[in-house]
Amino acid sequence: MRFDTLSIGAAYSLDSDLPGSERPNVDIQYRHTAVNATPLSGTWRFGAQLNYADFYDLFGPTKQSRKGQRYFVGYDKTLLYDEPRVMSFSTELSHHRDMDALPRYQNIPVTFDELTTFGAKLEYEHLKRSLGAVDHEKGFRWQFGASLNHVDGDTIPKVQGDFDFGFALPLKHSSIWFRNAAGAAFGEPDDEFSNFFFGGFGNNYVDRGEIKRYRHYYALPGFELNAIPGRNFYRGMLEWNLPPIHFKRAGTPNFYLSWIRPAIFASSLVSNLDDDAIRTRAENIGLQIDLQFTLMSRFELTLSTGYAKGWGEGDFEDDEFMISLKIM
């Protein structure tokens, strides 16, 4: 019934250029799902990691692997499940040791190697789609999260929230979405632990995560990963999901192309709104095309390709090309 699951993964690197302390990789996680209808029924997560390694990091550019130790306990609960209305709550307490980069931002080195975090997040969505659609076509969703970072004797609060809403167009299975995100941290501007960092599509060349990661608040295609910092920020996005093209006969019964879906997006980011001296503005415009294949009449593979152009104040500009294959 999978009410209780224990997973243990271990590996050892033979790379002679890697320090001996970083060669072993261990990941232990235990999950318990309560089946009684009490106020605390939900899923508890416990885990310990040493030099956590993720297989999909081999394909870059986004890296989930991290040097050091991590111990955590988390709790997840679905508060409302009446589709299309869904509300969920999650919280986690974690402790990191021997770090050399921020847990969420791979390109940001740290000045202290020990960090304790506590965070909680509440999410709600009411999203709808018509028969034959490949994505949501109208509705809204919001989420609000807060966290505390305790490092070197200081506690740094952070808050962040999203609000997305969209509507269907007269074109079949086409929709317009407005995606908004804002956040603030209450530490020093030059402290990496009190900043958010933005940039990149976020997809790996071979992946298992979400296809349209450019929708996340920390993504900003057209710029390098984690390229733009901000102690507080607002990011707005306008997205147009064009009608998908469905195929009746494209391939063989064991491997065929199901549909192609294009999307166009444009974003605007303003960070450090409270300080004119370090305020940063950045915009982008981009395109992503997703092709979904079906393997052996059961497994779905999605090939995504995208391009985005980003620019900011002065001569600050960049561009990015993305290609990614999501397996299973």
Protein backbone atom coordinates (compact mmCIF):
# COMPACT_ATOMS: atom_id res chain seq x y z
CA MET A 1 0.00 0.00 0.00
CA ARG A 2 3.09 2.23 0.23
CA PHE A 3 2.01 3.84 3.49
CA ASP A 4 5.60 3.41 4.69
CA THR A 5 8.59 3.53 2.36
CA LEU A 6 12.33 3.43 3.01
CA SER A 7 14.86 4.17 0.28
CA ILE A 8 18.64 3.94 0.60
CA GLY A 9 21.04 4.97 -2.15
CA ALA A 10 24.82 4.86 -2.06
CA ALA A 11 27.62 5.48 -4.54
CA TYR A 12 31.35 6.08 -4.56
CA SER A 13 33.26 8.23 -7.03
CA LEU A 14 36.52 6.96 -8.56
CA ASP A 15 37.54 10.45 -9.71
CA SER A 16 41.06 10.99 -8.36
CA ASP A 17 40.69 14.78 -8.62
CA LEU A 18 37.90 14.74 -6.06
CA PRO A 19 38.83 15.07 -2.35
CA GLY A 20 38.40 11.84 -0.42
CA SER A 21 35.71 13.34 1.82
CA GLU A 22 33.53 14.07 -1.23
CA ARG A 23 33.75 10.68 -2.94
CA PRO A 24 31.08 8.78 -0.95
CA ASN A 25 27.45 9.66 -1.71
CA VAL A 26 24.65 8.47 0.59
CA ASP A 27 20.93 9.24 0.54
CA ILE A 28 18.54 7.74 3.13
CA GLN A 29 14.86 8.71 3.15
CA TYR A 30 11.85 7.36 5.04
CA ARG A 31 8.22 8.32 4.40
CA HIS A 32 5.20 7.52 6.57
CA THR A 33 1.63 8.25 5.48
CA ALA A 34 -1.03 8.26 8.18
CA VAL A 35 -4.27 6.54 7.19
CA ASN A 36 -6.48 7.69 10.06
CA ALA A 37 -8.54 10.84 9.61
CA THR A 38 -6.97 12.87 12.44
CA PRO A 39 -5.89 16.53 12.16
CA LEU A 40 -2.28 15.33 11.80
CA SER A 41 -2.93 12.71 9.13
CA GLY A 42 -0.62 13.32 6.20
CA THR A 43 2.84 12.27 5.07
CA TRP A 44 5.94 12.61 7.22
CA ARG A 45 9.39 12.66 5.61
CA PHE A 46 12.73 11.97 7.33
CA GLY A 47 16.11 11.91 5.65
CA ALA A 48 19.88 12.12 5.89
CA GLN A 49 22.25 12.80 3.01
CA LEU A 50 26.02 12.84 2.58
CA ASN A 51 27.28 14.54 -0.59
CA TYR A 52 23.88 14.08 -2.19
CA ALA A 53 24.18 13.13 -5.88
CA ASP A 54 21.44 13.27 -8.52
CA PHE A 55 21.73 11.12 -11.67
CA TYR A 56 20.29 13.83 -13.91
CA ASP A 57 23.11 16.21 -12.95
CA LEU A 58 25.24 14.21 -15.40
CA PHE A 59 23.32 15.95 -18.18
CA GLY A 60 23.41 19.52 -16.76
CA PRO A 61 23.24 22.43 -16.67
CA THR A 62 21.04 22.49 -13.53
CA LYS A 63 22.67 20.72 -10.58
CA GLN A 64 20.78 19.23 -7.63
CA SER A 65 23.85 17.54 -6.10
CA ARG A 66 25.49 19.24 -3.13
CA LYS A 67 28.64 18.74 -1.11
CA GLY A 68 28.24 18.18 2.63
CA GLN A 69 25.64 16.75 4.98
CA ARG A 70 21.91 17.36 5.19
CA TYR A 71 19.41 16.14 7.80
CA PHE A 72 15.72 16.92 7.45
CA VAL A 73 12.20 16.22 8.62
CA GLY A 74 9.17 17.32 6.64
CA TYR A 75 5.40 17.07 6.63
CA ASP A 76 2.94 17.25 3.70
CA LYS A 77 -0.84 17.31 3.84
CA THR A 78 -3.62 17.74 1.31
CA LEU A 79 -6.17 20.05 2.92
CA LEU A 80 -8.71 20.00 0.09
CA TYR A 81 -9.06 17.61 -2.83
CA ASP A 82 -12.21 18.41 -4.79
CA GLU A 83 -10.92 18.68 -8.35
CA PRO A 84 -10.42 21.11 -9.91
CA ARG A 85 -9.99 22.68 -6.46
CA VAL A 86 -6.90 21.47 -4.60
CA MET A 87 -5.21 22.92 -1.50
CA SER A 88 -2.05 21.55 0.10
CA PHE A 89 0.34 22.40 2.93
CA SER A 90 3.97 21.45 3.42
CA THR A 91 6.68 22.25 5.93
CA GLU A 92 10.30 21.19 6.46
CA LEU A 93 13.10 21.61 8.97
CA SER A 94 16.61 20.91 7.65
CA HIS A 95 20.20 21.29 8.75
CA HIS A 96 23.18 21.55 6.38
CA ARG A 97 26.87 21.11 7.23
CA ASP A 98 30.11 21.42 5.23
CA MET A 99 28.40 23.35 2.42
CA ASP A 100 30.23 25.11 -0.38
CA ALA A 101 27.16 26.43 -2.24
CA LEU A 102 23.63 27.50 -1.38
CA PRO A 103 21.17 24.57 -1.22
CA ARG A 104 18.88 26.06 -3.89
CA TYR A 105 21.35 28.09 -5.97
CA GLN A 106 24.20 26.04 -7.39
CA ASN A 107 26.40 28.93 -8.57
CA ILE A 108 26.42 30.90 -5.31
CA PRO A 109 29.32 30.03 -2.95
CA VAL A 110 28.75 30.45 0.78
CA THR A 111 30.78 32.26 3.43
CA PHE A 112 29.59 29.90 6.20
CA ASP A 113 29.40 26.14 5.86
CA GLU A 114 26.56 25.46 8.32
CA LEU A 115 22.90 26.39 7.88
CA THR A 116 19.59 25.54 9.55
CA THR A 117 16.34 26.31 7.72
CA PHE A 118 12.66 26.03 8.57
CA GLY A 119 10.00 26.70 5.96
CA ALA A 120 6.29 26.27 5.34
CA LYS A 121 4.17 26.66 2.20
CA LEU A 122 0.44 26.80 1.46
CA GLU A 123 -0.84 26.24 -2.10
CA TYR A 124 -4.26 26.45 -3.73
CA GLU A 125 -5.35 25.95 -7.33
CA HIS A 126 -8.59 26.00 -9.27
CA LEU A 127 -7.58 25.17 -12.84
CA LYS A 128 -9.64 23.83 -15.73
CA ARG A 129 -9.08 22.41 -19.19
CA SER A 130 -11.36 21.31 -22.01
CA LEU A 131 -11.50 17.86 -23.56
CA GLY A 132 -8.42 17.28 -25.70
CA ALA A 133 -6.32 20.01 -24.07
CA VAL A 134 -2.68 19.34 -23.16
CA ASP A 135 -2.45 22.01 -20.45
CA HIS A 136 -4.71 24.06 -18.18
CA GLU A 137 -6.67 26.68 -20.10
CA LYS A 138 -8.25 28.85 -17.42
CA GLY A 139 -8.44 29.39 -13.68
CA PHE A 140 -6.06 30.56 -11.02
CA ARG A 141 -3.53 29.33 -8.51
CA TRP A 142 -1.66 30.90 -5.63
CA GLN A 143 0.96 29.88 -3.15
CA PHE A 144 2.55 31.58 -0.16
CA GLY A 145 5.65 30.44 1.67
CA ALA A 146 7.78 31.66 4.55
CA SER A 147 11.14 30.46 5.83
CA LEU A 148 13.79 31.16 8.45
CA ASN A 149 17.50 30.77 7.69
CA HIS A 150 19.68 30.48 10.79
CA VAL A 151 23.38 30.97 10.02
CA ASP A 152 26.33 32.22 12.11
CA GLY A 153 24.04 33.19 14.99
CA ASP A 154 21.69 35.25 12.81
CA THR A 155 18.14 34.36 11.80
CA ILE A 156 17.02 35.68 8.40
CA PRO A 157 13.28 35.57 7.58
CA LYS A 158 12.10 35.18 3.98
CA VAL A 159 8.65 35.35 2.42
CA GLN A 160 7.62 34.58 -1.16
CA GLY A 161 4.34 34.20 -2.99
CA ASP A 162 2.89 33.54 -6.45
CA PHE A 163 -0.43 34.36 -8.08
CA ASP A 164 -1.24 33.07 -11.58
CA PHE A 165 -4.48 33.46 -13.51
CA GLY A 166 -5.50 32.78 -17.09
CA PHE A 167 -8.36 32.52 -19.53
CA ALA A 168 -9.15 30.61 -22.71
CA LEU A 169 -9.07 32.28 -26.10
CA PRO A 170 -11.50 31.72 -28.99
CA LEU A 171 -8.73 29.67 -30.62
CA LYS A 172 -9.15 26.00 -29.77
CA HIS A 173 -7.04 25.00 -26.70
CA SER A 174 -5.24 28.36 -26.62
CA SER A 175 -4.95 30.50 -23.50
CA ILE A 176 -3.37 33.63 -22.02
CA TRP A 177 -1.78 33.55 -18.56
CA PHE A 178 -0.52 36.25 -16.23
CA ARG A 179 2.03 34.90 -13.75
CA ASN A 180 3.11 37.05 -10.82
CA ALA A 181 5.67 36.42 -8.09
CA ALA A 182 7.09 38.56 -5.29
CA GLY A 183 9.36 37.97 -2.33
CA ALA A 184 11.44 39.64 0.34
CA ALA A 185 14.22 38.73 2.76
CA PHE A 186 15.15 40.69 5.87
CA GLY A 187 18.94 40.53 5.99
CA GLU A 188 21.90 42.46 4.66
CA PRO A 189 21.99 43.10 0.88
CA ASP A 190 25.49 41.60 0.54
CA ASP A 191 24.60 38.42 2.46
CA GLU A 192 24.03 35.49 0.08
CA PHE A 193 21.64 33.89 2.61
CA SER A 194 19.29 36.90 2.41
CA ASN A 195 19.02 37.03 -1.39
CA PHE A 196 17.00 35.40 -4.13
CA PHE A 197 18.77 34.54 -7.39
CA PHE A 198 17.26 34.41 -10.87
CA GLY A 199 18.17 33.13 -14.31
CA GLY A 200 17.92 30.29 -16.81
CA PHE A 201 15.27 27.93 -18.15
CA GLY A 202 16.30 25.36 -15.52
CA ASN A 203 15.81 22.24 -17.70
CA ASN A 204 18.53 19.62 -18.08
CA TYR A 205 19.38 17.95 -21.39
CA VAL A 206 17.90 14.72 -19.99
CA ASP A 207 15.42 15.35 -17.22
CA ARG A 208 12.58 14.06 -15.06
CA GLY A 209 11.19 17.35 -13.71
CA GLU A 210 8.55 19.76 -14.92
CA ILE A 211 8.62 20.66 -18.60
CA LYS A 212 7.78 24.37 -18.35
CA ARG A 213 10.14 25.44 -15.61
CA TYR A 214 10.31 28.98 -16.97
CA ARG A 215 7.07 29.52 -15.06
CA HIS A 216 8.82 29.24 -11.69
CA TYR A 217 9.59 32.51 -9.90
CA TYR A 218 13.36 31.93 -9.86
CA ALA A 219 13.60 31.21 -13.60
CA LEU A 220 14.54 33.95 -16.06
CA PRO A 221 15.40 32.40 -19.44
CA GLY A 222 17.91 34.39 -21.45
CA PHE A 223 20.30 34.81 -18.51
CA GLU A 224 22.72 32.41 -16.81
CA LEU A 225 21.52 30.40 -13.83
CA ASN A 226 21.55 32.47 -10.60
CA ALA A 227 22.91 35.49 -12.51
CA ILE A 228 20.65 38.17 -10.99
CA PRO A 229 20.46 38.64 -7.19
CA GLY A 230 17.88 40.48 -5.15
CA ARG A 231 16.96 40.85 -1.49
CA ASN A 232 13.40 41.56 -2.60
CA PHE A 233 11.76 41.34 -6.01
CA TYR A 234 8.72 41.37 -8.22
CA ARG A 235 8.50 39.29 -11.38
CA GLY A 236 5.64 39.43 -13.85
CA MET A 237 5.15 37.15 -16.86
CA LEU A 238 2.75 37.17 -19.79
CA GLU A 239 2.39 33.75 -21.43
CA TRP A 240 0.50 32.73 -24.55
CA ASN A 241 -0.08 29.00 -25.01
CA LEU A 242 -0.75 28.49 -28.71
CA PRO A 243 -3.07 25.74 -29.95
CA PRO A 244 -1.34 22.33 -29.90
CA ILE A 245 -1.07 20.24 -33.05
CA HIS A 246 -2.29 16.65 -32.60
CA PHE A 247 -1.15 13.79 -34.82
CA LYS A 248 -3.09 10.73 -35.93
CA ARG A 249 -0.29 8.90 -37.75
CA ALA A 250 3.25 10.00 -36.88
CA GLY A 251 5.45 7.03 -36.06
CA THR A 252 4.83 3.37 -35.33
CA PRO A 253 2.46 1.67 -32.84
CA ASN A 254 5.39 1.29 -30.42
CA PHE A 255 6.74 4.83 -30.79
CA TYR A 256 4.73 7.76 -32.10
CA LEU A 257 4.44 11.54 -31.85
CA SER A 258 1.25 12.57 -30.03
CA TRP A 259 1.32 16.37 -30.19
CA ILE A 260 3.38 19.55 -30.50
CA ARG A 261 2.69 22.51 -28.23
CA PRO A 262 4.26 25.98 -28.69
CA ALA A 263 4.24 28.76 -26.09
CA ILE A 264 5.51 32.36 -26.14
CA PHE A 265 6.37 34.25 -22.97
CA ALA A 266 7.76 37.59 -21.83
CA SER A 267 8.92 38.47 -18.31
CA SER A 268 9.95 41.55 -16.37
CA LEU A 269 11.94 41.40 -13.13
CA VAL A 270 12.74 44.18 -10.66
CA SER A 271 14.96 43.31 -7.69
CA ASN A 272 16.11 45.36 -4.68
CA LEU A 273 13.11 47.64 -4.98
CA ASP A 274 13.96 49.46 -1.74
CA ASP A 275 17.48 50.54 -2.75
CA ASP A 276 18.05 52.67 -5.86
CA ALA A 277 21.81 52.10 -5.73
CA ILE A 278 21.57 48.34 -6.30
CA ARG A 279 18.17 48.06 -7.98
CA THR A 280 18.22 45.76 -11.01
CA ARG A 281 15.75 45.55 -13.88
CA ALA A 282 15.74 42.75 -16.41
CA GLU A 283 13.35 41.64 -19.15
CA ASN A 284 13.16 38.72 -21.52
CA ILE A 285 11.12 37.26 -24.33
CA GLY A 286 11.19 33.62 -25.31
CA LEU A 287 9.64 30.63 -27.02
CA GLN A 288 9.34 26.98 -25.98
CA ILE A 289 8.09 24.11 -28.13
CA ASP A 290 7.21 20.75 -26.55
CA LEU A 291 6.84 17.50 -28.52
CA GLN A 292 5.28 14.57 -26.69
CA PHE A 293 6.05 11.03 -27.83
CA THR A 294 4.46 7.81 -26.61
CA LEU A 295 6.67 4.75 -26.18
CA MET A 296 5.18 1.22 -26.18
CA SER A 297 1.66 2.72 -25.98
CA ARG A 298 2.22 3.61 -22.33
CA PHE A 299 5.30 5.68 -21.51
CA GLU A 300 5.43 9.38 -22.31
CA LEU A 301 8.59 11.17 -23.46
CA THR A 302 8.66 14.93 -23.98
CA LEU A 303 11.28 16.69 -26.08
CA SER A 304 11.41 20.42 -25.38
CA THR A 305 13.36 23.11 -27.13
CA GLY A 306 13.40 26.81 -26.42
CA TYR A 307 15.14 30.11 -26.94
CA ALA A 308 15.03 33.33 -24.93
CA LYS A 309 16.65 36.74 -25.21
CA GLY A 310 17.26 38.74 -22.06
CA TRP A 311 18.35 42.31 -21.51
CA GLY A 312 18.77 44.73 -18.63
CA GLU A 313 20.07 48.18 -17.84
CA GLY A 314 23.02 49.46 -19.84
CA ASP A 315 24.76 46.79 -21.92
CA PHE A 316 23.50 43.95 -19.74
CA GLU A 317 22.08 41.40 -22.19
CA ASP A 318 22.35 37.69 -22.91
CA ASP A 319 20.52 34.86 -24.65
CA GLU A 320 19.93 31.17 -24.01
CA PHE A 321 19.06 28.09 -26.03
CA MET A 322 17.47 25.10 -24.30
CA ILE A 323 16.89 21.51 -25.33
CA SER A 324 15.62 18.86 -22.92
CA LEU A 325 14.26 15.32 -23.04
CA LYS A 326 11.98 14.37 -20.18
CA ILE A 327 11.93 10.60 -19.84
CA MET A 328 8.95 8.72 -18.39
